[in-house]
Every structure is written in structure tokens, then in C-alpha cells.
PDB file of N, CA and C in Angstrom:
ATOM      1  N   MET A   1     214.188 -75.454 -30.540  1.00  0.00           N
ATOM      2  CA  MET A   1     215.180 -75.064 -29.547  1.00  0.00           C
ATOM      3  C   MET A   1     214.684 -75.494 -28.197  1.00  0.00           C
ATOM      4  N   LEU A   2     215.741 -75.837 -27.396  1.00  0.00           N
ATOM      5  CA  LEU A   2     215.453 -76.235 -26.026  1.00  0.00           C
ATOM      6  C   LEU A   2     215.594 -75.053 -25.069  1.00  0.00           C
ATOM      7  N   VAL A   3     214.570 -74.788 -24.356  1.00  0.00           N
ATOM      8  CA  VAL A   3     214.614 -73.705 -23.350  1.00  0.00           C
ATOM      9  C   VAL A   3     214.690 -74.354 -21.931  1.00  0.00           C
ATOM     10  N   LYS A   4     215.613 -73.997 -21.093  1.00  0.00           N
ATOM     11  CA  LYS A   4     215.705 -74.453 -19.741  1.00  0.00           C
ATOM     12  C   LYS A   4     215.396 -73.282 -18.826  1.00  0.00           C
ATOM     13  N   VAL A   5     214.357 -73.401 -17.945  1.00  0.00           N
ATOM     14  CA  VAL A   5     213.927 -72.248 -17.139  1.00  0.00           C
ATOM     15  C   VAL A   5     214.155 -72.739 -15.675  1.00  0.00           C
ATOM     16  N   PHE A   6     214.704 -71.847 -14.899  1.00  0.00           N
ATOM     17  CA  PHE A   6     215.016 -72.047 -13.443  1.00  0.00           C
ATOM     18  C   PHE A   6     214.238 -70.945 -12.694  1.00  0.00           C
ATOM     19  N   VAL A   7     213.340 -71.415 -11.789  1.00  0.00           N
ATOM     20  CA  VAL A   7     212.540 -70.519 -10.990  1.00  0.00           C
ATOM     21  C   VAL A   7     212.885 -70.788  -9.538  1.00  0.00           C
ATOM     22  N   THR A   8     213.201 -69.735  -8.817  1.00  0.00           N
ATOM     23  CA  THR A   8     213.583 -69.851  -7.358  1.00  0.00           C
ATOM     24  C   THR A   8     212.941 -68.730  -6.552  1.00  0.00           C
ATOM     25  N   PRO A   9     212.661 -69.092  -5.264  1.00  0.00           N
ATOM     26  CA  PRO A   9     212.164 -67.977  -4.385  1.00  0.00           C
ATOM     27  C   PRO A   9     213.154 -66.836  -4.297  1.00  0.00           C
ATOM     28  N   ARG A  10     212.628 -65.631  -4.280  1.00  0.00           N
ATOM     29  CA  ARG A  10     213.454 -64.448  -4.138  1.00  0.00           C
ATOM     30  C   ARG A  10     214.137 -64.482  -2.740  1.00  0.00           C
ATOM     31  N   LYS A  11     215.284 -63.848  -2.665  1.00  0.00           N
ATOM     32  CA  LYS A  11     215.966 -63.717  -1.341  1.00  0.00           C
ATOM     33  C   LYS A  11     215.041 -62.917  -0.488  1.00  0.00           C
ATOM     34  N   GLY A  12     214.928 -63.380   0.803  1.00  0.00           N
ATOM     35  CA  GLY A  12     214.116 -62.609   1.799  1.00  0.00           C
ATOM     36  C   GLY A  12     212.739 -63.225   1.869  1.00  0.00           C
ATOM     37  N   ILE A  13     212.340 -64.042   0.856  1.00  0.00           N
ATOM     38  CA  ILE A  13     211.005 -64.684   0.875  1.00  0.00           C
ATOM     39  C   ILE A  13     211.114 -66.045   1.631  1.00  0.00           C
ATOM     40  N   LEU A  14     210.166 -66.271   2.509  1.00  0.00           N
ATOM     41  CA  LEU A  14     210.160 -67.480   3.284  1.00  0.00           C
ATOM     42  C   LEU A  14     210.092 -68.671   2.353  1.00  0.00           C
ATOM     43  N   ASP A  15     211.024 -69.687   2.558  1.00  0.00           N
ATOM     44  CA  ASP A  15     211.083 -70.903   1.728  1.00  0.00           C
ATOM     45  C   ASP A  15     211.009 -72.051   2.660  1.00  0.00           C
ATOM     46  N   PRO A  16     209.815 -72.446   3.160  1.00  0.00           N
ATOM     47  CA  PRO A  16     209.709 -73.566   4.156  1.00  0.00           C
ATOM     48  C   PRO A  16     210.244 -74.876   3.582  1.00  0.00           C
ATOM     49  N   GLN A  17     210.077 -75.118   2.258  1.00  0.00           N
ATOM     50  CA  GLN A  17     210.574 -76.346   1.662  1.00  0.00           C
ATOM     51  C   GLN A  17     212.120 -76.386   1.664  1.00  0.00           C
ATOM     52  N   GLY A  18     212.685 -75.255   1.380  1.00  0.00           N
ATOM     53  CA  GLY A  18     214.155 -75.158   1.390  1.00  0.00           C
ATOM     54  C   GLY A  18     214.694 -75.371   2.846  1.00  0.00           C
ATOM     55  N   ARG A  19     214.029 -74.744   3.756  1.00  0.00           N
ATOM     56  CA  ARG A  19     214.411 -74.879   5.176  1.00  0.00           C
ATOM     57  C   ARG A  19     214.317 -76.320   5.634  1.00  0.00           C
ATOM     58  N   ALA A  20     213.253 -77.017   5.238  1.00  0.00           N
ATOM     59  CA  ALA A  20     213.092 -78.441   5.616  1.00  0.00           C
ATOM     60  C   ALA A  20     214.227 -79.308   4.985  1.00  0.00           C
ATOM     61  N   VAL A  21     214.537 -79.078   3.749  1.00  0.00           N
ATOM     62  CA  VAL A  21     215.670 -79.757   3.118  1.00  0.00           C
ATOM     63  C   VAL A  21     216.998 -79.471   3.809  1.00  0.00           C
ATOM     64  N   GLU A  22     217.207 -78.232   4.133  1.00  0.00           N
ATOM     65  CA  GLU A  22     218.388 -77.758   4.872  1.00  0.00           C
ATOM     66  C   GLU A  22     218.539 -78.549   6.177  1.00  0.00           C
ATOM     67  N   GLN A  23     217.476 -78.601   6.984  1.00  0.00           N
ATOM     68  CA  GLN A  23     217.501 -79.228   8.269  1.00  0.00           C
ATOM     69  C   GLN A  23     217.659 -80.715   8.131  1.00  0.00           C
ATOM     70  N   SER A  24     216.964 -81.298   7.153  1.00  0.00           N
ATOM     71  CA  SER A  24     217.192 -82.786   6.893  1.00  0.00           C
ATOM     72  C   SER A  24     218.579 -83.120   6.497  1.00  0.00           C
ATOM     73  N   LEU A  25     219.193 -82.320   5.638  1.00  0.00           N
ATOM     74  CA  LEU A  25     220.613 -82.603   5.277  1.00  0.00           C
ATOM     75  C   LEU A  25     221.509 -82.479   6.446  1.00  0.00           C
ATOM     76  N   LYS A  26     221.322 -81.459   7.262  1.00  0.00           N
ATOM     77  CA  LYS A  26     222.116 -81.408   8.542  1.00  0.00           C
ATOM     78  C   LYS A  26     221.941 -82.616   9.480  1.00  0.00           C
ATOM     79  N   SER A  27     220.649 -83.090   9.604  1.00  0.00           N
ATOM     80  CA  SER A  27     220.452 -84.225  10.451  1.00  0.00           C
ATOM     81  C   SER A  27     221.055 -85.459   9.846  1.00  0.00           C
ATOM     82  N   LEU A  28     221.314 -85.557   8.541  1.00  0.00           N
ATOM     83  CA  LEU A  28     221.957 -86.674   7.939  1.00  0.00           C
ATOM     84  C   LEU A  28     223.516 -86.526   7.972  1.00  0.00           C
ATOM     85  N   GLY A  29     224.036 -85.487   8.621  1.00  0.00           N
ATOM     86  CA  GLY A  29     225.410 -85.263   8.758  1.00  0.00           C
ATOM     87  C   GLY A  29     226.140 -84.360   7.775  1.00  0.00           C
ATOM     88  N   PHE A  30     225.341 -83.673   6.910  1.00  0.00           N
ATOM     89  CA  PHE A  30     225.880 -82.744   6.012  1.00  0.00           C
ATOM     90  C   PHE A  30     225.954 -81.386   6.615  1.00  0.00           C
ATOM     91  N   GLY A  31     226.994 -81.117   7.547  1.00  0.00           N
ATOM     92  CA  GLY A  31     226.958 -79.971   8.330  1.00  0.00           C
ATOM     93  C   GLY A  31     227.254 -78.648   7.568  1.00  0.00           C
ATOM     94  N   GLY A  32     227.955 -78.751   6.445  1.00  0.00           N
ATOM     95  CA  GLY A  32     228.334 -77.535   5.701  1.00  0.00           C
ATOM     96  C   GLY A  32     227.243 -76.926   4.858  1.00  0.00           C
ATOM     97  N   VAL A  33     226.042 -77.489   4.909  1.00  0.00           N
ATOM     98  CA  VAL A  33     225.005 -77.053   4.010  1.00  0.00           C
ATOM     99  C   VAL A  33     224.251 -75.849   4.659  1.00  0.00           C
ATOM    100  N   GLY A  34     223.984 -74.835   3.924  1.00  0.00           N
ATOM    101  CA  GLY A  34     223.235 -73.690   4.409  1.00  0.00           C
ATOM    102  C   GLY A  34     222.508 -72.917   3.276  1.00  0.00           C
ATOM    103  N   ALA A  35     221.510 -72.211   3.671  1.00  0.00           N
ATOM    104  CA  ALA A  35     220.757 -71.325   2.718  1.00  0.00           C
ATOM    105  C   ALA A  35     220.162 -72.167   1.571  1.00  0.00           C
ATOM    106  N   VAL A  36     219.540 -73.202   1.866  1.00  0.00           N
ATOM    107  CA  VAL A  36     218.983 -74.049   0.728  1.00  0.00           C
ATOM    108  C   VAL A  36     217.724 -73.366   0.203  1.00  0.00           C
ATOM    109  N   ARG A  37     217.577 -73.278  -1.087  1.00  0.00           N
ATOM    110  CA  ARG A  37     216.403 -72.677  -1.752  1.00  0.00           C
ATOM    111  C   ARG A  37     215.889 -73.784  -2.692  1.00  0.00           C
ATOM    112  N   VAL A  38     214.614 -74.121  -2.596  1.00  0.00           N
ATOM    113  CA  VAL A  38     214.022 -75.086  -3.512  1.00  0.00           C
ATOM    114  C   VAL A  38     213.147 -74.356  -4.500  1.00  0.00           C
ATOM    115  N   GLY A  39     213.366 -74.660  -5.786  1.00  0.00           N
ATOM    116  CA  GLY A  39     212.622 -74.040  -6.869  1.00  0.00           C
ATOM    117  C   GLY A  39     212.155 -75.094  -7.836  1.00  0.00           C
ATOM    118  N   ARG A  40     211.940 -74.543  -9.127  1.00  0.00           N
ATOM    119  CA  ARG A  40     211.465 -75.413 -10.139  1.00  0.00           C
ATOM    120  C   ARG A  40     212.414 -75.328 -11.382  1.00  0.00           C
ATOM    121  N   TYR A  41     212.451 -76.394 -12.083  1.00  0.00           N
ATOM    122  CA  TYR A  41     213.227 -76.567 -13.309  1.00  0.00           C
ATOM    123  C   TYR A  41     212.230 -76.929 -14.402  1.00  0.00           C
ATOM    124  N   ILE A  42     212.139 -76.138 -15.457  1.00  0.00           N
ATOM    125  CA  ILE A  42     211.190 -76.366 -16.466  1.00  0.00           C
ATOM    126  C   ILE A  42     211.882 -76.384 -17.815  1.00  0.00           C
ATOM    127  N   THR A  43     211.533 -77.461 -18.663  1.00  0.00           N
ATOM    128  CA  THR A  43     212.179 -77.496 -20.007  1.00  0.00           C
ATOM    129  C   THR A  43     211.049 -77.280 -21.016  1.00  0.00           C
ATOM    130  N   LEU A  44     211.361 -76.612 -22.124  1.00  0.00           N
ATOM    131  CA  LEU A  44     210.390 -76.320 -23.143  1.00  0.00           C
ATOM    132  C   LEU A  44     211.061 -76.580 -24.492  1.00  0.00           C
ATOM    133  N   GLU A  45     210.343 -77.220 -25.405  1.00  0.00           N
ATOM    134  CA  GLU A  45     210.793 -77.287 -26.778  1.00  0.00           C
ATOM    135  C   GLU A  45     210.079 -76.205 -27.430  1.00  0.00           C
ATOM    136  N   LEU A  46     210.837 -75.285 -28.047  1.00  0.00           N
ATOM    137  CA  LEU A  46     210.314 -74.092 -28.608  1.00  0.00           C
ATOM    138  C   LEU A  46     210.683 -73.964 -30.071  1.00  0.00           C
ATOM    139  N   ASP A  47     209.673 -73.799 -30.937  1.00  0.00           N
ATOM    140  CA  ASP A  47     209.890 -73.579 -32.338  1.00  0.00           C
ATOM    141  C   ASP A  47     210.023 -72.104 -32.568  1.00  0.00           C
ATOM    142  N   ALA A  48     211.276 -71.613 -32.805  1.00  0.00           N
ATOM    143  CA  ALA A  48     211.491 -70.218 -33.015  1.00  0.00           C
ATOM    144  C   ALA A  48     212.498 -70.024 -34.094  1.00  0.00           C
ATOM    145  N   PRO A  49     212.419 -69.013 -34.952  1.00  0.00           N
ATOM    146  CA  PRO A  49     213.312 -68.862 -36.081  1.00  0.00           C
ATOM    147  C   PRO A  49     214.749 -68.456 -35.702  1.00  0.00           C
ATOM    148  N   SER A  50     214.919 -67.920 -34.469  1.00  0.00           N
ATOM    149  CA  SER A  50     216.273 -67.505 -34.057  1.00  0.00           C
ATOM    150  C   SER A  50     216.426 -67.673 -32.534  1.00  0.00           C
ATOM    151  N   VAL A  51     217.636 -67.680 -32.096  1.00  0.00           N
ATOM    152  CA  VAL A  51     217.909 -67.764 -30.629  1.00  0.00           C
ATOM    153  C   VAL A  51     217.374 -66.494 -29.931  1.00  0.00           C
ATOM    154  N   GLU A  52     217.535 -65.314 -30.607  1.00  0.00           N
ATOM    155  CA  GLU A  52     217.005 -64.053 -30.005  1.00  0.00           C
ATOM    156  C   GLU A  52     215.504 -64.060 -29.822  1.00  0.00           C
ATOM    157  N   GLN A  53     214.794 -64.598 -30.761  1.00  0.00           N
ATOM    158  CA  GLN A  53     213.346 -64.670 -30.655  1.00  0.00           C
ATOM    159  C   GLN A  53     212.949 -65.741 -29.641  1.00  0.00           C
ATOM    160  N   ALA A  54     213.723 -66.781 -29.455  1.00  0.00           N
ATOM    161  CA  ALA A  54     213.440 -67.757 -28.500  1.00  0.00           C
ATOM    162  C   ALA A  54     213.630 -67.138 -27.097  1.00  0.00           C
ATOM    163  N   ARG A  55     214.703 -66.353 -26.945  1.00  0.00           N
ATOM    164  CA  ARG A  55     214.977 -65.723 -25.664  1.00  0.00           C
ATOM    165  C   ARG A  55     213.845 -64.743 -25.300  1.00  0.00           C
ATOM    166  N   ALA A  56     213.343 -64.018 -26.290  1.00  0.00           N
ATOM    167  CA  ALA A  56     212.273 -63.035 -26.014  1.00  0.00           C
ATOM    168  C   ALA A  56     211.024 -63.816 -25.677  1.00  0.00           C
ATOM    169  N   ALA A  57     210.720 -64.900 -26.359  1.00  0.00           N
ATOM    170  CA  ALA A  57     209.498 -65.671 -25.988  1.00  0.00           C
ATOM    171  C   ALA A  57     209.602 -66.288 -24.584  1.00  0.00           C
ATOM    172  N   ALA A  58     210.824 -66.757 -24.257  1.00  0.00           N
ATOM    173  CA  ALA A  58     211.025 -67.423 -22.937  1.00  0.00           C
ATOM    174  C   ALA A  58     210.835 -66.367 -21.847  1.00  0.00           C
ATOM    175  N   ARG A  59     211.381 -65.164 -22.090  1.00  0.00           N
ATOM    176  CA  ARG A  59     211.215 -64.046 -21.101  1.00  0.00           C
ATOM    177  C   ARG A  59     209.771 -63.682 -20.880  1.00  0.00           C
ATOM    178  N   ARG A  60     208.977 -63.635 -21.995  1.00  0.00           N
ATOM    179  CA  ARG A  60     207.539 -63.358 -21.874  1.00  0.00           C
ATOM    180  C   ARG A  60     206.816 -64.450 -21.089  1.00  0.00           C
ATOM    181  N   MET A  61     207.186 -65.684 -21.396  1.00  0.00           N
ATOM    182  CA  MET A  61     206.580 -66.920 -20.743  1.00  0.00           C
ATOM    183  C   MET A  61     206.764 -66.801 -19.224  1.00  0.00           C
ATOM    184  N   CYS A  62     208.030 -66.442 -18.848  1.00  0.00           N
ATOM    185  CA  CYS A  62     208.444 -66.446 -17.457  1.00  0.00           C
ATOM    186  C   CYS A  62     207.634 -65.327 -16.731  1.00  0.00           C
ATOM    187  N   GLU A  63     207.616 -64.155 -17.361  1.00  0.00           N
ATOM    188  CA  GLU A  63     206.933 -62.972 -16.743  1.00  0.00           C
ATOM    189  C   GLU A  63     205.403 -63.173 -16.707  1.00  0.00           C
ATOM    190  N   GLN A  64     204.791 -63.853 -17.635  1.00  0.00           N
ATOM    191  CA  GLN A  64     203.354 -63.975 -17.667  1.00  0.00           C
ATOM    192  C   GLN A  64     202.854 -65.195 -16.957  1.00  0.00           C
ATOM    193  N   LEU A  65     203.608 -66.245 -16.806  1.00  0.00           N
ATOM    194  CA  LEU A  65     203.048 -67.552 -16.372  1.00  0.00           C
ATOM    195  C   LEU A  65     204.023 -68.348 -15.428  1.00  0.00           C
ATOM    196  N   LEU A  66     205.188 -68.556 -15.884  1.00  0.00           N
ATOM    197  CA  LEU A  66     206.099 -69.533 -15.219  1.00  0.00           C
ATOM    198  C   LEU A  66     206.622 -69.114 -13.849  1.00  0.00           C
ATOM    199  N   ALA A  67     206.734 -67.797 -13.658  1.00  0.00           N
ATOM    200  CA  ALA A  67     207.333 -67.315 -12.370  1.00  0.00           C
ATOM    201  C   ALA A  67     206.329 -66.210 -11.830  1.00  0.00           C
ATOM    202  N   ASN A  68     206.212 -66.218 -10.558  1.00  0.00           N
ATOM    203  CA  ASN A  68     205.410 -65.121  -9.845  1.00  0.00           C
ATOM    204  C   ASN A  68     206.361 -63.998  -9.613  1.00  0.00           C
ATOM    205  N   PRO A  69     206.265 -62.850 -10.237  1.00  0.00           N
ATOM    206  CA  PRO A  69     207.302 -61.811 -10.093  1.00  0.00           C
ATOM    207  C   PRO A  69     207.343 -61.173  -8.732  1.00  0.00           C
ATOM    208  N   ASN A  70     206.338 -61.415  -7.903  1.00  0.00           N
ATOM    209  CA  ASN A  70     206.325 -60.828  -6.541  1.00  0.00           C
ATOM    210  C   ASN A  70     207.142 -61.631  -5.613  1.00  0.00           C
ATOM    211  N   ILE A  71     207.328 -62.953  -5.856  1.00  0.00           N
ATOM    212  CA  ILE A  71     208.048 -63.771  -4.863  1.00  0.00           C
ATOM    213  C   ILE A  71     209.124 -64.635  -5.445  1.00  0.00           C
ATOM    214  N   GLU A  72     209.216 -64.666  -6.829  1.00  0.00           N
ATOM    215  CA  GLU A  72     210.196 -65.553  -7.474  1.00  0.00           C
ATOM    216  C   GLU A  72     211.083 -64.864  -8.439  1.00  0.00           C
ATOM    217  N   ASP A  73     212.223 -65.327  -8.598  1.00  0.00           N
ATOM    218  CA  ASP A  73     213.170 -64.951  -9.628  1.00  0.00           C
ATOM    219  C   ASP A  73     213.300 -66.016 -10.672  1.00  0.00           C
ATOM    220  N   TYR A  74     213.749 -65.721 -11.872  1.00  0.00           N
ATOM    221  CA  TYR A  74     213.846 -66.736 -12.856  1.00  0.00           C
ATOM    222  C   TYR A  74     215.109 -66.436 -13.744  1.00  0.00           C
ATOM    223  N   SER A  75     215.650 -67.492 -14.287  1.00  0.00           N
ATOM    224  CA  SER A  75     216.698 -67.387 -15.285  1.00  0.00           C
ATOM    225  C   SER A  75     216.397 -68.405 -16.303  1.00  0.00           C
ATOM    226  N   PHE A  76     216.933 -68.367 -17.541  1.00  0.00           N
ATOM    227  CA  PHE A  76     216.747 -69.441 -18.510  1.00  0.00           C
ATOM    228  C   PHE A  76     217.965 -69.487 -19.408  1.00  0.00           C
ATOM    229  N   GLU A  77     218.030 -70.593 -20.017  1.00  0.00           N
ATOM    230  CA  GLU A  77     219.055 -70.869 -21.084  1.00  0.00           C
ATOM    231  C   GLU A  77     218.351 -71.294 -22.322  1.00  0.00           C
ATOM    232  N   VAL A  78     218.864 -70.883 -23.488  1.00  0.00           N
ATOM    233  CA  VAL A  78     218.248 -71.371 -24.761  1.00  0.00           C
ATOM    234  C   VAL A  78     219.363 -72.097 -25.526  1.00  0.00           C
ATOM    235  N   GLU A  79     219.079 -73.402 -25.876  1.00  0.00           N
ATOM    236  CA  GLU A  79     220.038 -74.167 -26.648  1.00  0.00           C
ATOM    237  C   GLU A  79     219.548 -74.298 -28.034  1.00  0.00           C
ATOM    238  N   PRO A  80     220.315 -73.797 -28.993  1.00  0.00           N
ATOM    239  CA  PRO A  80     219.884 -73.959 -30.415  1.00  0.00           C
ATOM    240  C   PRO A  80     219.837 -75.425 -30.763  1.00  0.00           C
ATOM    241  N   PRO A  81     219.111 -75.748 -31.775  1.00  0.00           N
ATOM    242  CA  PRO A  81     219.054 -77.176 -32.225  1.00  0.00           C
ATOM    243  C   PRO A  81     220.399 -77.546 -32.720  1.00  0.00           C
ATOM    244  N   GLU A  82     220.728 -78.797 -32.501  1.00  0.00           N
ATOM    245  CA  GLU A  82     222.032 -79.346 -32.950  1.00  0.00           C
ATOM    246  C   GLU A  82     221.904 -79.610 -34.423  1.00  0.00           C
ATOM    247  N   ALA A  83     222.930 -79.461 -35.142  1.00  0.00           N
ATOM    248  CA  ALA A  83     222.905 -79.730 -36.582  1.00  0.00           C
ATOM    249  C   ALA A  83     222.951 -81.235 -36.753  1.00  0.00           C
ATOM    250  N   GLY A  84     222.207 -81.749 -37.632  1.00  0.00           N
ATOM    251  CA  GLY A  84     222.204 -83.139 -37.835  1.00  0.00           C
ATOM    252  C   GLY A  84     223.359 -83.612 -38.653  1.00  0.00           C
ATOM    253  N   PRO A  85     223.534 -84.899 -38.899  1.00  0.00           N
ATOM    254  CA  PRO A  85     224.610 -85.440 -39.661  1.00  0.00           C
ATOM    255  C   PRO A  85     224.615 -84.948 -41.129  1.00  0.00           C
ATOM    256  N   ARG A  86     225.708 -84.775 -41.644  1.00  0.00           N
ATOM    257  CA  ARG A  86     225.792 -84.266 -43.099  1.00  0.00           C
ATOM    258  C   ARG A  86     226.310 -85.354 -43.950  1.00  0.00           C
TER     259      ARG A  86
END
């Protein structure tokens, strides 16, 4: 299964990289841009017997390693394997 993990700074946490991107976009003429947050996108190939077990494993991975719970939020998507040709 394919697991897509999105990790972003929590609201209220200083995000200097997001601020730099926001200012750069404004200086390039993109005036409607605001509140830019820069995070990470992680993909994992996970061998799990069910989508529910893949979700549980992904949640544990995020809580234990992929995201810092003090300063980051995370979300993830689990895509079951596509059925092959019949």
C-alpha cells in the first residue's frame, strides 16, 4: 500500500521558511499570497494485510518518528494497491 504523509508546522509555531517563501512570492508580484507554511511530504510503500492496519502503522510512524508532536501536525492518506489486470 502507498502511504502519503503530510507534516506541517503547527499554527502559532514560527515558520521562517514559510515566511521567506511568502515574502519571495509577494516580491515576484503574487500579492494575494498569505500564511505560507512549509512542511514535508513523505511517501511510504507499506506491506500491510488491510487498509485499517496500514492506517494504524502510519499513525504510529508519525507519532514516533516522522512528526515532532510538540511543533508539527500530520495527516496521511493510505492508497490500497491497485488490482492488476485479469
